[in-house]
Amino acid sequence: MWSYSRWRRRRILANNRISERDWQAALARLPLLDRLSSEDHARLRELAVLFLHQKTFAGAGGLEVTENMRLIISLQACLPVLNLGLEWYRGWFSIIVYPGGFVPSHTYADDAGVVYTTEEP
């Protein structure tokens, strides 16, 4: 039976490939992927292509996000959902990449009304 979503997925995968050179360079930078089987590598590669197609990347603080950075981030993002699917990232549209560590500031009030500000990674 014909399905638009399957057709679209096949079309995205056919038109947006990761070159073998870029794939090998990314694998060399991520030794945590060494233990994956060849089948898992193939599925991870497909998920990364779909992830790269679906998400936008933005650099914060003037950082220029390179294609290599996008691929490395995509592989790391797709690994936890390798057996679950990209549906787990539905609702995520943008990936913001910071040039260094990011420590957000949180302000909250306790039950007595005392306001606290914390900075935790």
PDB file of N, CA and C in Angstrom:
ATOM      1  N   MET A   1       0.841  -1.173   0.000  1.00  0.00           N
ATOM      2  CA  MET A   1       0.000   0.000   0.000  1.00  0.00           C
ATOM      3  C   MET A   1       0.892   1.245   0.000  1.00  0.00           C
ATOM      4  N   TRP A   2       0.542   2.221  -0.789  1.00  0.00           N
ATOM      5  CA  TRP A   2       1.318   3.449  -0.927  1.00  0.00           C
ATOM      6  C   TRP A   2       1.121   4.326   0.299  1.00  0.00           C
ATOM      7  N   SER A   3       2.222   4.889   0.768  1.00  0.00           N
ATOM      8  CA  SER A   3       2.157   5.775   1.924  1.00  0.00           C
ATOM      9  C   SER A   3       3.000   7.003   1.632  1.00  0.00           C
ATOM     10  N   TYR A   4       2.413   8.165   1.823  1.00  0.00           N
ATOM     11  CA  TYR A   4       3.140   9.405   1.585  1.00  0.00           C
ATOM     12  C   TYR A   4       4.368   9.505   2.486  1.00  0.00           C
ATOM     13  N   SER A   5       4.226   9.149   3.748  1.00  0.00           N
ATOM     14  CA  SER A   5       5.352   9.287   4.682  1.00  0.00           C
ATOM     15  C   SER A   5       6.512   8.364   4.294  1.00  0.00           C
ATOM     16  N   ARG A   6       6.215   7.133   3.856  1.00  0.00           N
ATOM     17  CA  ARG A   6       7.298   6.236   3.402  1.00  0.00           C
ATOM     18  C   ARG A   6       7.938   6.763   2.129  1.00  0.00           C
ATOM     19  N   TRP A   7       7.121   7.273   1.207  1.00  0.00           N
ATOM     20  CA  TRP A   7       7.647   7.839  -0.028  1.00  0.00           C
ATOM     21  C   TRP A   7       8.558   9.034   0.279  1.00  0.00           C
ATOM     22  N   ARG A   8       8.101   9.907   1.180  1.00  0.00           N
ATOM     23  CA  ARG A   8       8.871  11.098   1.541  1.00  0.00           C
ATOM     24  C   ARG A   8      10.193  10.708   2.203  1.00  0.00           C
ATOM     25  N   ARG A   9      10.150   9.737   3.099  1.00  0.00           N
ATOM     26  CA  ARG A   9      11.364   9.253   3.774  1.00  0.00           C
ATOM     27  C   ARG A   9      12.370   8.731   2.750  1.00  0.00           C
ATOM     28  N   ARG A  10      11.892   7.889   1.829  1.00  0.00           N
ATOM     29  CA  ARG A  10      12.792   7.352   0.795  1.00  0.00           C
ATOM     30  C   ARG A  10      13.388   8.468  -0.055  1.00  0.00           C
ATOM     31  N   ARG A  11      12.587   9.444  -0.380  1.00  0.00           N
ATOM     32  CA  ARG A  11      13.051  10.571  -1.211  1.00  0.00           C
ATOM     33  C   ARG A  11      14.108  11.397  -0.469  1.00  0.00           C
ATOM     34  N   ILE A  12      13.876  11.673   0.813  1.00  0.00           N
ATOM     35  CA  ILE A  12      14.849  12.421   1.616  1.00  0.00           C
ATOM     36  C   ILE A  12      16.163  11.659   1.686  1.00  0.00           C
ATOM     37  N   LEU A  13      16.088  10.346   1.954  1.00  0.00           N
ATOM     38  CA  LEU A  13      17.298   9.528   2.056  1.00  0.00           C
ATOM     39  C   LEU A  13      18.041   9.454   0.722  1.00  0.00           C
ATOM     40  N   ALA A  14      17.311   9.416  -0.377  1.00  0.00           N
ATOM     41  CA  ALA A  14      17.944   9.340  -1.689  1.00  0.00           C
ATOM     42  C   ALA A  14      18.615  10.654  -2.089  1.00  0.00           C
ATOM     43  N   ASN A  15      18.054  11.771  -1.662  1.00  0.00           N
ATOM     44  CA  ASN A  15      18.555  13.078  -2.093  1.00  0.00           C
ATOM     45  C   ASN A  15      19.488  13.767  -1.104  1.00  0.00           C
ATOM     46  N   ASN A  16      19.659  13.205   0.070  1.00  0.00           N
ATOM     47  CA  ASN A  16      20.480  13.840   1.110  1.00  0.00           C
ATOM     48  C   ASN A  16      21.394  12.793   1.723  1.00  0.00           C
ATOM     49  N   ARG A  17      22.457  12.509   1.076  1.00  0.00           N
ATOM     50  CA  ARG A  17      23.360  11.467   1.553  1.00  0.00           C
ATOM     51  C   ARG A  17      24.528  12.056   2.320  1.00  0.00           C
ATOM     52  N   ILE A  18      25.083  11.244   3.208  1.00  0.00           N
ATOM     53  CA  ILE A  18      26.317  11.589   3.906  1.00  0.00           C
ATOM     54  C   ILE A  18      27.435  10.909   3.133  1.00  0.00           C
ATOM     55  N   SER A  19      28.393  11.696   2.674  1.00  0.00           N
ATOM     56  CA  SER A  19      29.490  11.103   1.894  1.00  0.00           C
ATOM     57  C   SER A  19      30.267  10.128   2.766  1.00  0.00           C
ATOM     58  N   GLU A  20      30.901   9.165   2.123  1.00  0.00           N
ATOM     59  CA  GLU A  20      31.689   8.173   2.864  1.00  0.00           C
ATOM     60  C   GLU A  20      32.831   8.841   3.615  1.00  0.00           C
ATOM     61  N   ARG A  21      33.442   9.850   3.016  1.00  0.00           N
ATOM     62  CA  ARG A  21      34.535  10.581   3.668  1.00  0.00           C
ATOM     63  C   ARG A  21      34.044  11.260   4.941  1.00  0.00           C
ATOM     64  N   ASP A  22      32.906  11.947   4.853  1.00  0.00           N
ATOM     65  CA  ASP A  22      32.345  12.619   6.029  1.00  0.00           C
ATOM     66  C   ASP A  22      31.895  11.618   7.087  1.00  0.00           C
ATOM     67  N   TRP A  23      31.324  10.500   6.640  1.00  0.00           N
ATOM     68  CA  TRP A  23      30.876   9.468   7.568  1.00  0.00           C
ATOM     69  C   TRP A  23      32.054   8.891   8.348  1.00  0.00           C
ATOM     70  N   GLN A  24      33.120   8.552   7.647  1.00  0.00           N
ATOM     71  CA  GLN A  24      34.296   7.974   8.311  1.00  0.00           C
ATOM     72  C   GLN A  24      34.955   8.986   9.249  1.00  0.00           C
ATOM     73  N   ALA A  25      34.994  10.236   8.848  1.00  0.00           N
ATOM     74  CA  ALA A  25      35.574  11.282   9.704  1.00  0.00           C
ATOM     75  C   ALA A  25      34.745  11.436  10.977  1.00  0.00           C
ATOM     76  N   ALA A  26      33.433  11.376  10.853  1.00  0.00           N
ATOM     77  CA  ALA A  26      32.564  11.496  12.024  1.00  0.00           C
ATOM     78  C   ALA A  26      32.728  10.289  12.939  1.00  0.00           C
ATOM     79  N   LEU A  27      32.801   9.101  12.370  1.00  0.00           N
ATOM     80  CA  LEU A  27      33.000   7.901  13.184  1.00  0.00           C
ATOM     81  C   LEU A  27      34.320   7.959  13.936  1.00  0.00           C
ATOM     82  N   ALA A  28      35.346   8.504  13.302  1.00  0.00           N
ATOM     83  CA  ALA A  28      36.656   8.624  13.951  1.00  0.00           C
ATOM     84  C   ALA A  28      36.599   9.577  15.144  1.00  0.00           C
ATOM     85  N   ARG A  29      35.735  10.574  15.079  1.00  0.00           N
ATOM     86  CA  ARG A  29      35.598  11.554  16.175  1.00  0.00           C
ATOM     87  C   ARG A  29      34.707  11.064  17.301  1.00  0.00           C
ATOM     88  N   LEU A  30      33.946   9.994  17.056  1.00  0.00           N
ATOM     89  CA  LEU A  30      33.001   9.481  18.047  1.00  0.00           C
ATOM     90  C   LEU A  30      33.273   8.013  18.353  1.00  0.00           C
ATOM     91  N   PRO A  31      34.288   7.728  19.162  1.00  0.00           N
ATOM     92  CA  PRO A  31      34.620   6.323  19.447  1.00  0.00           C
ATOM     93  C   PRO A  31      33.495   5.550  20.134  1.00  0.00           C
ATOM     94  N   LEU A  32      32.518   6.243  20.712  1.00  0.00           N
ATOM     95  CA  LEU A  32      31.398   5.552  21.335  1.00  0.00           C
ATOM     96  C   LEU A  32      30.580   4.764  20.322  1.00  0.00           C
ATOM     97  N   LEU A  33      30.750   5.051  19.033  1.00  0.00           N
ATOM     98  CA  LEU A  33      30.003   4.338  17.995  1.00  0.00           C
ATOM     99  C   LEU A  33      30.715   3.077  17.522  1.00  0.00           C
ATOM    100  N   ASP A  34      31.944   2.848  17.992  1.00  0.00           N
ATOM    101  CA  ASP A  34      32.746   1.708  17.534  1.00  0.00           C
ATOM    102  C   ASP A  34      32.083   0.369  17.788  1.00  0.00           C
ATOM    103  N   ARG A  35      31.331   0.266  18.849  1.00  0.00           N
ATOM    104  CA  ARG A  35      30.747  -1.028  19.233  1.00  0.00           C
ATOM    105  C   ARG A  35      29.434  -1.340  18.524  1.00  0.00           C
ATOM    106  N   LEU A  36      28.947  -0.413  17.747  1.00  0.00           N
ATOM    107  CA  LEU A  36      27.704  -0.674  17.014  1.00  0.00           C
ATOM    108  C   LEU A  36      27.955  -1.668  15.900  1.00  0.00           C
ATOM    109  N   SER A  37      26.952  -2.479  15.613  1.00  0.00           N
ATOM    110  CA  SER A  37      27.043  -3.413  14.489  1.00  0.00           C
ATOM    111  C   SER A  37      26.934  -2.644  13.172  1.00  0.00           C
ATOM    112  N   SER A  38      27.252  -3.316  12.086  1.00  0.00           N
ATOM    113  CA  SER A  38      27.133  -2.655  10.776  1.00  0.00           C
ATOM    114  C   SER A  38      25.675  -2.299  10.486  1.00  0.00           C
ATOM    115  N   GLU A  39      24.734  -3.132  10.965  1.00  0.00           N
ATOM    116  CA  GLU A  39      23.310  -2.828  10.777  1.00  0.00           C
ATOM    117  C   GLU A  39      22.920  -1.577  11.568  1.00  0.00           C
ATOM    118  N   ASP A  40      23.437  -1.472  12.792  1.00  0.00           N
ATOM    119  CA  ASP A  40      23.159  -0.276  13.597  1.00  0.00           C
ATOM    120  C   ASP A  40      23.788   0.962  12.976  1.00  0.00           C
ATOM    121  N   HIS A  41      24.988   0.826  12.421  1.00  0.00           N
ATOM    122  CA  HIS A  41      25.623   1.954  11.731  1.00  0.00           C
ATOM    123  C   HIS A  41      24.756   2.419  10.566  1.00  0.00           C
ATOM    124  N   ALA A  42      24.216   1.477   9.814  1.00  0.00           N
ATOM    125  CA  ALA A  42      23.373   1.831   8.665  1.00  0.00           C
ATOM    126  C   ALA A  42      22.113   2.558   9.128  1.00  0.00           C
ATOM    127  N   ARG A  43      21.487   2.053  10.198  1.00  0.00           N
ATOM    128  CA  ARG A  43      20.279   2.716  10.717  1.00  0.00           C
ATOM    129  C   ARG A  43      20.597   4.084  11.295  1.00  0.00           C
ATOM    130  N   LEU A  44      21.743   4.193  11.978  1.00  0.00           N
ATOM    131  CA  LEU A  44      22.157   5.481  12.542  1.00  0.00           C
ATOM    132  C   LEU A  44      22.404   6.491  11.425  1.00  0.00           C
ATOM    133  N   ARG A  45      23.013   6.032  10.352  1.00  0.00           N
ATOM    134  CA  ARG A  45      23.288   6.924   9.218  1.00  0.00           C
ATOM    135  C   ARG A  45      21.986   7.446   8.617  1.00  0.00           C
ATOM    136  N   GLU A  46      21.005   6.554   8.463  1.00  0.00           N
ATOM    137  CA  GLU A  46      19.701   6.983   7.939  1.00  0.00           C
ATOM    138  C   GLU A  46      19.027   7.976   8.877  1.00  0.00           C
ATOM    139  N   LEU A  47      19.027   7.673  10.170  1.00  0.00           N
ATOM    140  CA  LEU A  47      18.417   8.592  11.134  1.00  0.00           C
ATOM    141  C   LEU A  47      19.100   9.949  11.111  1.00  0.00           C
ATOM    142  N   ALA A  48      20.433   9.950  10.997  1.00  0.00           N
ATOM    143  CA  ALA A  48      21.174  11.211  10.961  1.00  0.00           C
ATOM    144  C   ALA A  48      20.788  12.031   9.733  1.00  0.00           C
ATOM    145  N   VAL A  49      20.630  11.371   8.591  1.00  0.00           N
ATOM    146  CA  VAL A  49      20.215  12.084   7.374  1.00  0.00           C
ATOM    147  C   VAL A  49      18.844  12.714   7.588  1.00  0.00           C
ATOM    148  N   LEU A  50      17.922  11.960   8.153  1.00  0.00           N
ATOM    149  CA  LEU A  50      16.577  12.483   8.400  1.00  0.00           C
ATOM    150  C   LEU A  50      16.603  13.606   9.433  1.00  0.00           C
ATOM    151  N   PHE A  51      17.407  13.443  10.479  1.00  0.00           N
ATOM    152  CA  PHE A  51      17.545  14.464  11.516  1.00  0.00           C
ATOM    153  C   PHE A  51      18.084  15.761  10.904  1.00  0.00           C
ATOM    154  N   LEU A  52      19.135  15.640  10.102  1.00  0.00           N
ATOM    155  CA  LEU A  52      19.719  16.821   9.456  1.00  0.00           C
ATOM    156  C   LEU A  52      18.709  17.510   8.542  1.00  0.00           C
ATOM    157  N   HIS A  53      17.855  16.734   7.923  1.00  0.00           N
ATOM    158  CA  HIS A  53      16.854  17.303   7.031  1.00  0.00           C
ATOM    159  C   HIS A  53      15.745  18.018   7.805  1.00  0.00           C
ATOM    160  N   GLN A  54      15.395  17.488   8.975  1.00  0.00           N
ATOM    161  CA  GLN A  54      14.257  18.007   9.735  1.00  0.00           C
ATOM    162  C   GLN A  54      14.589  19.184  10.638  1.00  0.00           C
ATOM    163  N   LYS A  55      15.811  19.264  11.115  1.00  0.00           N
ATOM    164  CA  LYS A  55      16.160  20.252  12.137  1.00  0.00           C
ATOM    165  C   LYS A  55      17.030  21.361  11.556  1.00  0.00           C
ATOM    166  N   THR A  56      16.901  22.537  12.142  1.00  0.00           N
ATOM    167  CA  THR A  56      17.793  23.642  11.786  1.00  0.00           C
ATOM    168  C   THR A  56      18.805  23.810  12.908  1.00  0.00           C
ATOM    169  N   PHE A  57      19.985  24.253  12.535  1.00  0.00           N
ATOM    170  CA  PHE A  57      21.065  24.455  13.491  1.00  0.00           C
ATOM    171  C   PHE A  57      21.424  25.931  13.501  1.00  0.00           C
ATOM    172  N   ALA A  58      21.626  26.459  14.695  1.00  0.00           N
ATOM    173  CA  ALA A  58      22.003  27.866  14.837  1.00  0.00           C
ATOM    174  C   ALA A  58      23.153  27.960  15.824  1.00  0.00           C
ATOM    175  N   GLY A  59      24.127  28.771  15.483  1.00  0.00           N
ATOM    176  CA  GLY A  59      25.241  29.005  16.388  1.00  0.00           C
ATOM    177  C   GLY A  59      24.953  30.214  17.267  1.00  0.00           C
ATOM    178  N   ALA A  60      25.215  30.081  18.560  1.00  0.00           N
ATOM    179  CA  ALA A  60      25.033  31.195  19.491  1.00  0.00           C
ATOM    180  C   ALA A  60      26.357  31.933  19.643  1.00  0.00           C
ATOM    181  N   GLY A  61      26.271  33.191  19.993  1.00  0.00           N
ATOM    182  CA  GLY A  61      27.471  33.969  20.257  1.00  0.00           C
ATOM    183  C   GLY A  61      28.394  34.094  19.062  1.00  0.00           C
ATOM    184  N   GLY A  62      27.824  34.113  17.864  1.00  0.00           N
ATOM    185  CA  GLY A  62      28.627  34.278  16.658  1.00  0.00           C
ATOM    186  C   GLY A  62      29.266  33.000  16.144  1.00  0.00           C
ATOM    187  N   LEU A  63      28.990  31.866  16.759  1.00  0.00           N
ATOM    188  CA  LEU A  63      29.561  30.596  16.319  1.00  0.00           C
ATOM    189  C   LEU A  63      29.014  30.206  14.953  1.00  0.00           C
ATOM    190  N   GLU A  64      29.888  29.839  14.048  1.00  0.00           N
ATOM    191  CA  GLU A  64      29.468  29.332  12.748  1.00  0.00           C
ATOM    192  C   GLU A  64      29.410  27.816  12.829  1.00  0.00           C
ATOM    193  N   VAL A  65      28.231  27.249  12.632  1.00  0.00           N
ATOM    194  CA  VAL A  65      28.043  25.807  12.711  1.00  0.00           C
ATOM    195  C   VAL A  65      28.395  25.208  11.353  1.00  0.00           C
ATOM    196  N   THR A  66      29.427  24.374  11.338  1.00  0.00           N
ATOM    197  CA  THR A  66      29.884  23.760  10.096  1.00  0.00           C
ATOM    198  C   THR A  66      29.092  22.483   9.806  1.00  0.00           C
ATOM    199  N   GLU A  67      29.221  21.991   8.585  1.00  0.00           N
ATOM    200  CA  GLU A  67      28.558  20.737   8.218  1.00  0.00           C
ATOM    201  C   GLU A  67      29.078  19.589   9.068  1.00  0.00           C
ATOM    202  N   ASN A  68      30.361  19.590   9.360  1.00  0.00           N
ATOM    203  CA  ASN A  68      30.936  18.552  10.208  1.00  0.00           C
ATOM    204  C   ASN A  68      30.330  18.600  11.606  1.00  0.00           C
ATOM    205  N   MET A  69      30.178  19.794  12.157  1.00  0.00           N
ATOM    206  CA  MET A  69      29.557  19.949  13.475  1.00  0.00           C
ATOM    207  C   MET A  69      28.120  19.445  13.450  1.00  0.00           C
ATOM    208  N   ARG A  70      27.400  19.780  12.406  1.00  0.00           N
ATOM    209  CA  ARG A  70      26.011  19.339  12.276  1.00  0.00           C
ATOM    210  C   ARG A  70      25.930  17.814  12.274  1.00  0.00           C
ATOM    211  N   LEU A  71      26.838  17.170  11.547  1.00  0.00           N
ATOM    212  CA  LEU A  71      26.831  15.714  11.463  1.00  0.00           C
ATOM    213  C   LEU A  71      27.167  15.084  12.815  1.00  0.00           C
ATOM    214  N   ILE A  72      28.195  15.591  13.482  1.00  0.00           N
ATOM    215  CA  ILE A  72      28.595  15.058  14.784  1.00  0.00           C
ATOM    216  C   ILE A  72      27.442  15.193  15.795  1.00  0.00           C
ATOM    217  N   ILE A  73      26.807  16.345  15.811  1.00  0.00           N
ATOM    218  CA  ILE A  73      25.678  16.570  16.725  1.00  0.00           C
ATOM    219  C   ILE A  73      24.521  15.637  16.373  1.00  0.00           C
ATOM    220  N   SER A  74      24.251  15.490  15.098  1.00  0.00           N
ATOM    221  CA  SER A  74      23.152  14.621  14.656  1.00  0.00           C
ATOM    222  C   SER A  74      23.375  13.177  15.074  1.00  0.00           C
ATOM    223  N   LEU A  75      24.599  12.695  14.904  1.00  0.00           N
ATOM    224  CA  LEU A  75      24.892  11.314  15.298  1.00  0.00           C
ATOM    225  C   LEU A  75      24.698  11.120  16.795  1.00  0.00           C
ATOM    226  N   GLN A  76      25.156  12.083  17.573  1.00  0.00           N
ATOM    227  CA  GLN A  76      24.994  11.988  19.025  1.00  0.00           C
ATOM    228  C   GLN A  76      23.523  12.084  19.436  1.00  0.00           C
ATOM    229  N   ALA A  77      22.753  12.871  18.710  1.00  0.00           N
ATOM    230  CA  ALA A  77      21.325  13.005  19.020  1.00  0.00           C
ATOM    231  C   ALA A  77      20.546  11.758  18.608  1.00  0.00           C
ATOM    232  N   CYS A  78      20.967  11.114  17.533  1.00  0.00           N
ATOM    233  CA  CYS A  78      20.236   9.956  17.026  1.00  0.00           C
ATOM    234  C   CYS A  78      20.580   8.661  17.761  1.00  0.00           C
ATOM    235  N   LEU A  79      21.733   8.597  18.382  1.00  0.00           N
ATOM    236  CA  LEU A  79      22.123   7.373  19.071  1.00  0.00           C
ATOM    237  C   LEU A  79      21.118   6.945  20.149  1.00  0.00           C
ATOM    238  N   PRO A  80      20.665   7.842  21.030  1.00  0.00           N
ATOM    239  CA  PRO A  80      19.713   7.399  22.068  1.00  0.00           C
ATOM    240  C   PRO A  80      18.364   6.936  21.517  1.00  0.00           C
ATOM    241  N   VAL A  81      17.991   7.366  20.322  1.00  0.00           N
ATOM    242  CA  VAL A  81      16.691   6.985  19.758  1.00  0.00           C
ATOM    243  C   VAL A  81      16.854   6.010  18.589  1.00  0.00           C
ATOM    244  N   LEU A  82      18.023   5.381  18.514  1.00  0.00           N
ATOM    245  CA  LEU A  82      18.318   4.479  17.399  1.00  0.00           C
ATOM    246  C   LEU A  82      17.252   3.405  17.244  1.00  0.00           C
ATOM    247  N   ASN A  83      16.783   2.853  18.337  1.00  0.00           N
ATOM    248  CA  ASN A  83      15.775   1.795  18.283  1.00  0.00           C
ATOM    249  C   ASN A  83      14.370   2.305  18.566  1.00  0.00           C
ATOM    250  N   LEU A  84      14.233   3.601  18.724  1.00  0.00           N
ATOM    251  CA  LEU A  84      12.936   4.194  19.035  1.00  0.00           C
ATOM    252  C   LEU A  84      12.372   5.003  17.875  1.00  0.00           C
ATOM    253  N   GLY A  85      13.247   5.691  17.135  1.00  0.00           N
ATOM    254  CA  GLY A  85      12.810   6.520  16.013  1.00  0.00           C
ATOM    255  C   GLY A  85      12.831   7.999  16.333  1.00  0.00           C
ATOM    256  N   LEU A  86      12.870   8.798  15.278  1.00  0.00           N
ATOM    257  CA  LEU A  86      12.947  10.257  15.424  1.00  0.00           C
ATOM    258  C   LEU A  86      11.657  10.873  15.947  1.00  0.00           C
ATOM    259  N   GLU A  87      10.597  10.084  16.045  1.00  0.00           N
ATOM    260  CA  GLU A  87       9.349  10.608  16.599  1.00  0.00           C
ATOM    261  C   GLU A  87       9.568  11.139  18.010  1.00  0.00           C
ATOM    262  N   TRP A  88      10.571  10.629  18.699  1.00  0.00           N
ATOM    263  CA  TRP A  88      10.874  11.080  20.054  1.00  0.00           C
ATOM    264  C   TRP A  88      11.339  12.535  20.072  1.00  0.00           C
ATOM    265  N   TYR A  89      11.778  13.046  18.925  1.00  0.00           N
ATOM    266  CA  TYR A  89      12.217  14.438  18.830  1.00  0.00           C
ATOM    267  C   TYR A  89      11.177  15.312  18.147  1.00  0.00           C
ATOM    268  N   ARG A  90       9.975  14.808  18.007  1.00  0.00           N
ATOM    269  CA  ARG A  90       8.901  15.615  17.429  1.00  0.00           C
ATOM    270  C   ARG A  90       8.691  16.828  18.325  1.00  0.00           C
ATOM    271  N   GLY A  91       8.565  17.978  17.732  1.00  0.00           N
ATOM    272  CA  GLY A  91       8.408  19.204  18.500  1.00  0.00           C
ATOM    273  C   GLY A  91       9.715  19.959  18.666  1.00  0.00           C
ATOM    274  N   TRP A  92      10.824  19.305  18.402  1.00  0.00           N
ATOM    275  CA  TRP A  92      12.129  19.989  18.390  1.00  0.00           C
ATOM    276  C   TRP A  92      12.348  20.481  16.967  1.00  0.00           C
ATOM    277  N   PHE A  93      12.603  21.761  16.819  1.00  0.00           N
ATOM    278  CA  PHE A  93      12.782  22.301  15.479  1.00  0.00           C
ATOM    279  C   PHE A  93      14.181  22.832  15.249  1.00  0.00           C
ATOM    280  N   SER A  94      14.789  23.343  16.294  1.00  0.00           N
ATOM    281  CA  SER A  94      16.107  23.980  16.170  1.00  0.00           C
ATOM    282  C   SER A  94      17.074  23.416  17.190  1.00  0.00           C
ATOM    283  N   ILE A  95      18.328  23.357  16.778  1.00  0.00           N
ATOM    284  CA  ILE A  95      19.416  22.969  17.664  1.00  0.00           C
ATOM    285  C   ILE A  95      20.295  24.209  17.803  1.00  0.00           C
ATOM    286  N   ILE A  96      20.463  24.688  19.017  1.00  0.00           N
ATOM    287  CA  ILE A  96      21.308  25.855  19.264  1.00  0.00           C
ATOM    288  C   ILE A  96      22.644  25.353  19.787  1.00  0.00           C
ATOM    289  N   VAL A  97      23.717  25.745  19.104  1.00  0.00           N
ATOM    290  CA  VAL A  97      25.057  25.290  19.456  1.00  0.00           C
ATOM    291  C   VAL A  97      25.811  26.457  20.076  1.00  0.00           C
ATOM    292  N   TYR A  98      26.289  26.245  21.289  1.00  0.00           N
ATOM    293  CA  TYR A  98      27.015  27.280  22.018  1.00  0.00           C
ATOM    294  C   TYR A  98      28.519  27.079  21.831  1.00  0.00           C
ATOM    295  N   PRO A  99      29.291  28.164  21.773  1.00  0.00           N
ATOM    296  CA  PRO A  99      30.730  28.042  21.555  1.00  0.00           C
ATOM    297  C   PRO A  99      31.487  27.488  22.755  1.00  0.00           C
ATOM    298  N   GLY A 100      30.881  27.454  23.902  1.00  0.00           N
ATOM    299  CA  GLY A 100      31.527  26.928  25.107  1.00  0.00           C
ATOM    300  C   GLY A 100      30.477  26.356  26.026  1.00  0.00           C
ATOM    301  N   GLY A 101      30.834  26.158  27.263  1.00  0.00           N
ATOM    302  CA  GLY A 101      29.882  25.640  28.230  1.00  0.00           C
ATOM    303  C   GLY A 101      28.712  26.588  28.408  1.00  0.00           C
ATOM    304  N   PHE A 102      27.560  26.037  28.650  1.00  0.00           N
ATOM    305  CA  PHE A 102      26.350  26.827  28.816  1.00  0.00           C
ATOM    306  C   PHE A 102      25.848  26.638  30.238  1.00  0.00           C
ATOM    307  N   VAL A 103      25.752  27.723  30.985  1.00  0.00           N
ATOM    308  CA  VAL A 103      25.281  27.667  32.363  1.00  0.00           C
ATOM    309  C   VAL A 103      24.084  28.607  32.486  1.00  0.00           C
ATOM    310  N   PRO A 104      22.871  28.031  32.462  1.00  0.00           N
ATOM    311  CA  PRO A 104      21.683  28.878  32.567  1.00  0.00           C
ATOM    312  C   PRO A 104      21.452  29.354  33.998  1.00  0.00           C
ATOM    313  N   SER A 105      20.808  30.479  34.105  1.00  0.00           N
ATOM    314  CA  SER A 105      20.449  31.043  35.393  1.00  0.00           C
ATOM    315  C   SER A 105      18.973  30.760  35.642  1.00  0.00           C
ATOM    316  N   HIS A 106      18.655  30.210  36.824  1.00  0.00           N
ATOM    317  CA  HIS A 106      17.273  29.895  37.181  1.00  0.00           C
ATOM    318  C   HIS A 106      16.880  30.693  38.419  1.00  0.00           C
ATOM    319  N   THR A 107      15.703  31.270  38.378  1.00  0.00           N
ATOM    320  CA  THR A 107      15.173  31.994  39.526  1.00  0.00           C
ATOM    321  C   THR A 107      13.896  31.299  39.974  1.00  0.00           C
ATOM    322  N   TYR A 108      13.816  31.048  41.268  1.00  0.00           N
ATOM    323  CA  TYR A 108      12.621  30.409  41.794  1.00  0.00           C
ATOM    324  C   TYR A 108      12.374  30.889  43.223  1.00  0.00           C
ATOM    325  N   ALA A 109      11.142  30.725  43.675  1.00  0.00           N
ATOM    326  CA  ALA A 109      10.762  31.118  45.040  1.00  0.00           C
ATOM    327  C   ALA A 109      10.393  29.872  45.831  1.00  0.00           C
ATOM    328  N   ASP A 110      10.808  29.831  47.096  1.00  0.00           N
ATOM    329  CA  ASP A 110      10.433  28.704  47.946  1.00  0.00           C
ATOM    330  C   ASP A 110       9.060  28.964  48.576  1.00  0.00           C
ATOM    331  N   ASP A 111       8.611  28.059  49.423  1.00  0.00           N
ATOM    332  CA  ASP A 111       7.276  28.166  50.038  1.00  0.00           C
ATOM    333  C   ASP A 111       7.132  29.404  50.922  1.00  0.00           C
ATOM    334  N   ALA A 112       8.257  29.906  51.454  1.00  0.00           N
ATOM    335  CA  ALA A 112       8.212  31.096  52.315  1.00  0.00           C
ATOM    336  C   ALA A 112       8.275  32.384  51.504  1.00  0.00           C
ATOM    337  N   GLY A 113       8.414  32.265  50.173  1.00  0.00           N
ATOM    338  CA  GLY A 113       8.466  33.442  49.323  1.00  0.00           C
ATOM    339  C   GLY A 113       9.869  33.984  49.093  1.00  0.00           C
ATOM    340  N   VAL A 114      10.883  33.288  49.616  1.00  0.00           N
ATOM    341  CA  VAL A 114      12.266  33.721  49.399  1.00  0.00           C
ATOM    342  C   VAL A 114      12.660  33.361  47.965  1.00  0.00           C
ATOM    343  N   VAL A 115      13.192  34.357  47.250  1.00  0.00           N
ATOM    344  CA  VAL A 115      13.569  34.156  45.857  1.00  0.00           C
ATOM    345  C   VAL A 115      15.051  33.797  45.780  1.00  0.00           C
ATOM    346  N   TYR A 116      15.350  32.745  45.023  1.00  0.00           N
ATOM    347  CA  TYR A 116      16.718  32.270  44.836  1.00  0.00           C
ATOM    348  C   TYR A 116      17.069  32.310  43.360  1.00  0.00           C
ATOM    349  N   THR A 117      18.335  32.568  43.087  1.00  0.00           N
ATOM    350  CA  THR A 117      18.860  32.498  41.727  1.00  0.00           C
ATOM    351  C   THR A 117      20.034  31.528  41.760  1.00  0.00           C
ATOM    352  N   THR A 118      19.971  30.530  40.892  1.00  0.00           N
ATOM    353  CA  THR A 118      21.046  29.555  40.806  1.00  0.00           C
ATOM    354  C   THR A 118      21.587  29.510  39.394  1.00  0.00           C
ATOM    355  N   GLU A 119      22.821  29.105  39.287  1.00  0.00           N
ATOM    356  CA  GLU A 119      23.445  28.889  37.988  1.00  0.00           C
ATOM    357  C   GLU A 119      24.025  27.487  38.009  1.00  0.00           C
ATOM    358  N   GLU A 120      23.405  26.614  37.229  1.00  0.00           N
ATOM    359  CA  GLU A 120      23.841  25.229  37.152  1.00  0.00           C
ATOM    360  C   GLU A 120      23.873  24.794  35.696  1.00  0.00           C
ATOM    361  N   PRO A 121      24.898  24.001  35.335  1.00  0.00           N
ATOM    362  CA  PRO A 121      24.932  23.496  33.950  1.00  0.00           C
ATOM    363  C   PRO A 121      23.808  22.522  33.688  1.00  0.00           C
TER     364      PRO A 121
END
